[in-house]
C-alpha atoms as a PDB file:
ATOM      1  CA  MET A   1      49.894   5.364   1.135  1.00  0.00           C
ATOM      2  CA  ALA A   2      52.293   6.849  -1.332  1.00  0.00           C
ATOM      3  CA  CYS A   3      55.263   4.817  -2.005  1.00  0.00           C
ATOM      4  CA  PRO A   4      58.542   5.992  -0.733  1.00  0.00           C
ATOM      5  CA  GLN A   5      60.631   7.103  -3.546  1.00  0.00           C
ATOM      6  CA  ASP A   6      63.791   5.183  -2.071  1.00  0.00           C
ATOM      7  CA  LEU A   7      62.626   1.833  -2.550  1.00  0.00           C
ATOM      8  CA  LEU A   8      62.611  -0.752  -5.350  1.00  0.00           C
ATOM      9  CA  PHE A   9      59.705  -3.028  -5.677  1.00  0.00           C
ATOM     10  CA  THR A  10      58.802  -6.624  -6.600  1.00  0.00           C
ATOM     11  CA  ARG A  11      55.767  -7.828  -8.779  1.00  0.00           C
ATOM     12  CA  ASP A  12      54.694  -9.829  -5.569  1.00  0.00           C
ATOM     13  CA  HIS A  13      54.394  -6.795  -3.473  1.00  0.00           C
ATOM     14  CA  GLU A  14      57.871  -6.759  -1.499  1.00  0.00           C
ATOM     15  CA  TRP A  15      60.063  -3.700  -1.155  1.00  0.00           C
ATOM     16  CA  ILE A  16      63.656  -3.128  -0.626  1.00  0.00           C
ATOM     17  CA  ARG A  17      65.783  -0.225   0.450  1.00  0.00           C
ATOM     18  CA  ILE A  18      69.356  -0.048  -0.040  1.00  0.00           C
ATOM     19  CA  GLN A  19      70.918   1.476   3.179  1.00  0.00           C
ATOM     20  CA  PRO A  20      74.047   3.559   3.341  1.00  0.00           C
ATOM     21  CA  ASP A  21      76.480   0.779   4.394  1.00  0.00           C
ATOM     22  CA  GLY A  22      75.603  -0.983   1.267  1.00  0.00           C
ATOM     23  CA  THR A  23      73.129  -3.486   2.904  1.00  0.00           C
ATOM     24  CA  ALA A  24      69.352  -3.552   2.092  1.00  0.00           C
ATOM     25  CA  ARG A  25      66.321  -3.446   4.376  1.00  0.00           C
ATOM     26  CA  ALA A  26      63.204  -5.360   3.017  1.00  0.00           C
ATOM     27  CA  GLY A  27      59.577  -5.921   3.672  1.00  0.00           C
ATOM     28  CA  ILE A  28      56.205  -6.045   2.194  1.00  0.00           C
ATOM     29  CA  CYS A  29      54.378  -3.388   0.556  1.00  0.00           C
ATOM     30  CA  ASP A  30      51.393  -1.317   1.845  1.00  0.00           C
ATOM     31  CA  PHE A  31      49.377  -2.740  -0.877  1.00  0.00           C
ATOM     32  CA  ALA A  32      50.216  -6.458   0.338  1.00  0.00           C
ATOM     33  CA  GLN A  33      49.471  -5.559   4.252  1.00  0.00           C
ATOM     34  CA  GLU A  34      46.155  -3.886   3.289  1.00  0.00           C
ATOM     35  CA  HIS A  35      44.978  -6.990   1.290  1.00  0.00           C
ATOM     36  CA  LEU A  36      46.091  -9.412   3.838  1.00  0.00           C
ATOM     37  CA  GLY A  37      44.106  -7.355   6.555  1.00  0.00           C
ATOM     38  CA  ASP A  38      45.333  -7.703  10.275  1.00  0.00           C
ATOM     39  CA  ILE A  39      48.619  -9.490  10.720  1.00  0.00           C
ATOM     40  CA  VAL A  40      48.678 -11.810  13.656  1.00  0.00           C
ATOM     41  CA  PHE A  41      51.957 -13.667  13.191  1.00  0.00           C
ATOM     42  CA  VAL A  42      55.189 -13.393  11.111  1.00  0.00           C
ATOM     43  CA  GLU A  43      57.927 -16.068  10.574  1.00  0.00           C
ATOM     44  CA  LEU A  44      61.239 -14.368   9.947  1.00  0.00           C
ATOM     45  CA  PRO A  45      64.514 -16.007   8.532  1.00  0.00           C
ATOM     46  CA  ALA A  46      67.281 -16.925  10.623  1.00  0.00           C
ATOM     47  CA  VAL A  47      70.280 -14.518  10.478  1.00  0.00           C
ATOM     48  CA  GLY A  48      72.977 -15.798   8.415  1.00  0.00           C
ATOM     49  CA  LYS A  49      70.595 -17.619   5.904  1.00  0.00           C
ATOM     50  CA  ALA A  50      71.378 -17.078   2.342  1.00  0.00           C
ATOM     51  CA  PHE A  51      68.706 -16.557  -0.331  1.00  0.00           C
ATOM     52  CA  LYS A  52      68.354 -16.351  -3.956  1.00  0.00           C
ATOM     53  CA  GLN A  53      66.254 -13.681  -5.547  1.00  0.00           C
ATOM     54  CA  LYS A  54      62.449 -14.674  -5.559  1.00  0.00           C
ATOM     55  CA  ASP A  55      63.025 -17.323  -2.548  1.00  0.00           C
ATOM     56  CA  VAL A  56      60.564 -17.377   0.230  1.00  0.00           C
ATOM     57  CA  PHE A  57      62.320 -15.576   2.911  1.00  0.00           C
ATOM     58  CA  ALA A  58      59.272 -15.350   5.413  1.00  0.00           C
ATOM     59  CA  VAL A  59      55.547 -16.152   6.074  1.00  0.00           C
ATOM     60  CA  VAL A  60      52.883 -13.530   7.191  1.00  0.00           C
ATOM     61  CA  GLU A  61      49.833 -14.697   8.554  1.00  0.00           C
ATOM     62  CA  SER A  62      46.762 -12.669   9.003  1.00  0.00           C
ATOM     63  CA  VAL A  63      43.119 -13.385   9.885  1.00  0.00           C
ATOM     64  CA  LYS A  64      42.319 -14.005   6.345  1.00  0.00           C
ATOM     65  CA  ALA A  65      45.057 -15.913   4.981  1.00  0.00           C
ATOM     66  CA  ALA A  66      49.151 -17.116   5.147  1.00  0.00           C
ATOM     67  CA  SER A  67      51.235 -15.474   2.653  1.00  0.00           C
ATOM     68  CA  ASP A  68      54.838 -16.125   1.532  1.00  0.00           C
ATOM     69  CA  CYS A  69      57.110 -13.368   1.233  1.00  0.00           C
ATOM     70  CA  TYR A  70      59.828 -13.420  -1.650  1.00  0.00           C
ATOM     71  CA  CYS A  71      63.242 -12.281  -1.311  1.00  0.00           C
ATOM     72  CA  PRO A  72      63.745  -9.121  -3.629  1.00  0.00           C
ATOM     73  CA  ALA A  73      67.478  -9.622  -4.046  1.00  0.00           C
ATOM     74  CA  GLY A  74      69.650 -12.314  -3.389  1.00  0.00           C
ATOM     75  CA  GLY A  75      71.942 -12.140  -0.317  1.00  0.00           C
ATOM     76  CA  THR A  76      72.326 -13.160   3.334  1.00  0.00           C
ATOM     77  CA  VAL A  77      70.146 -12.227   6.191  1.00  0.00           C
ATOM     78  CA  LYS A  78      72.284  -9.537   8.561  1.00  0.00           C
ATOM     79  CA  GLU A  79      69.403  -8.892  10.883  1.00  0.00           C
ATOM     80  CA  VAL A  80      65.724  -9.351  11.093  1.00  0.00           C
ATOM     81  CA  ASN A  81      63.130  -7.225  12.949  1.00  0.00           C
ATOM     82  CA  ALA A  82      62.520  -9.199  16.246  1.00  0.00           C
ATOM     83  CA  ARG A  83      59.788  -6.799  17.001  1.00  0.00           C
ATOM     84  CA  LEU A  84      57.591  -8.466  14.776  1.00  0.00           C
ATOM     85  CA  VAL A  85      57.465 -11.618  16.670  1.00  0.00           C
ATOM     86  CA  ASP A  86      55.481  -9.954  19.562  1.00  0.00           C
ATOM     87  CA  GLU A  87      54.016  -7.126  17.250  1.00  0.00           C
ATOM     88  CA  PRO A  88      53.149  -8.456  13.986  1.00  0.00           C
ATOM     89  CA  ALA A  89      50.668  -5.739  13.306  1.00  0.00           C
ATOM     90  CA  THR A  90      53.436  -3.096  13.122  1.00  0.00           C
ATOM     91  CA  ILE A  91      53.545  -4.101   9.456  1.00  0.00           C
ATOM     92  CA  ASN A  92      49.823  -2.997   9.225  1.00  0.00           C
ATOM     93  CA  LYS A  93      50.730   0.378  10.902  1.00  0.00           C
ATOM     94  CA  ASP A  94      53.826   1.286   8.929  1.00  0.00           C
ATOM     95  CA  PRO A  95      54.899  -1.278   6.426  1.00  0.00           C
ATOM     96  CA  TYR A  96      57.805   0.968   4.992  1.00  0.00           C
ATOM     97  CA  GLY A  97      59.302   2.175   8.220  1.00  0.00           C
ATOM     98  CA  GLU A  98      58.934   0.154  11.794  1.00  0.00           C
ATOM     99  CA  GLY A  99      57.423  -2.968   9.819  1.00  0.00           C
ATOM    100  CA  TRP A 100      60.610  -3.735   7.814  1.00  0.00           C
ATOM    101  CA  MET A 101      61.425  -7.567   8.092  1.00  0.00           C
ATOM    102  CA  MET A 102      64.801  -8.100   7.414  1.00  0.00           C
ATOM    103  CA  VAL A 103      68.584  -6.576   6.462  1.00  0.00           C
ATOM    104  CA  ILE A 104      70.377  -8.651   3.865  1.00  0.00           C
ATOM    105  CA  SER A 105      73.864  -8.038   2.032  1.00  0.00           C
ATOM    106  CA  VAL A 106      72.852  -7.769  -1.320  1.00  0.00           C
ATOM    107  CA  ALA A 107      74.952 -10.573  -3.303  1.00  0.00           C
ATOM    108  CA  SER A 108      74.288  -9.043  -6.910  1.00  0.00           C
ATOM    109  CA  ARG A 109      73.462  -5.505  -8.170  1.00  0.00           C
ATOM    110  CA  GLU A 110      72.057  -7.480 -11.116  1.00  0.00           C
ATOM    111  CA  ASP A 111      69.103  -8.566  -9.005  1.00  0.00           C
ATOM    112  CA  LEU A 112      68.239  -4.883  -8.151  1.00  0.00           C
ATOM    113  CA  ARG A 113      68.162  -3.946 -11.748  1.00  0.00           C
ATOM    114  CA  GLN A 114      64.969  -6.486 -12.299  1.00  0.00           C
ATOM    115  CA  LEU A 115      63.100  -4.581  -9.570  1.00  0.00           C
ATOM    116  CA  MET A 116      60.477  -1.591 -10.125  1.00  0.00           C
ATOM    117  CA  LYS A 117      61.113   1.859  -9.331  1.00  0.00           C
ATOM    118  CA  PRO A 118      58.256   3.648  -7.480  1.00  0.00           C
ATOM    119  CA  GLU A 119      56.607   4.980 -10.281  1.00  0.00           C
ATOM    120  CA  GLU A 120      56.675   1.619 -12.196  1.00  0.00           C
ATOM    121  CA  TYR A 121      55.226   0.124  -9.132  1.00  0.00           C
ATOM    122  CA  ASP A 122      52.334   2.596  -8.656  1.00  0.00           C
ATOM    123  CA  LYS A 123      51.419   2.129 -12.218  1.00  0.00           C
ATOM    124  CA  TYR A 124      51.568  -1.879 -11.853  1.00  0.00           C
ATOM    125  CA  VAL A 125      49.175  -1.575  -8.817  1.00  0.00           C
ATOM    126  CA  ALA A 126      46.940   0.685 -10.737  1.00  0.00           C
ATOM    127  CA  GLU A 127      46.502  -1.585 -13.650  1.00  0.00           C
ATOM    128  CA  GLY A 128      45.667  -4.382 -11.313  1.00  0.00           C
ATOM    129  CA  GLY A 129      48.894  -6.161 -10.860  1.00  0.00           C
ATOM    130  CA  GLY A 130      49.180  -8.892  -8.357  1.00  0.00           C
ATOM    131  CA  HIS A 131      45.270  -9.583  -8.188  1.00  0.00           C
END
């Protein structure tokens, strides 16, 4: 799956999309969901919880393993995708759309400058990043 051009990426395979209202939607990349396999459970953060960049904000469990998800940018959780509680495989089907995990208010734009643009992330993955 091609990386959407409006996202920024972490080296741990999370993505973030800045919304028109200044909040940011986040989730895990297609690469991550593919390597995890069939996702059977998602532990989402509580609305109102604050995270620093790289803090664990969620846990995704698949038939293969459990994996921590790291916050792409620091901020406070404004919303979570409650659909994932009953339909965790939504992440497998549409990781960049319906499979989003949380919306945060970004505390510092500096965090965003440390993330990879789509072309940088594609190169990182192609060169074996994350293995």
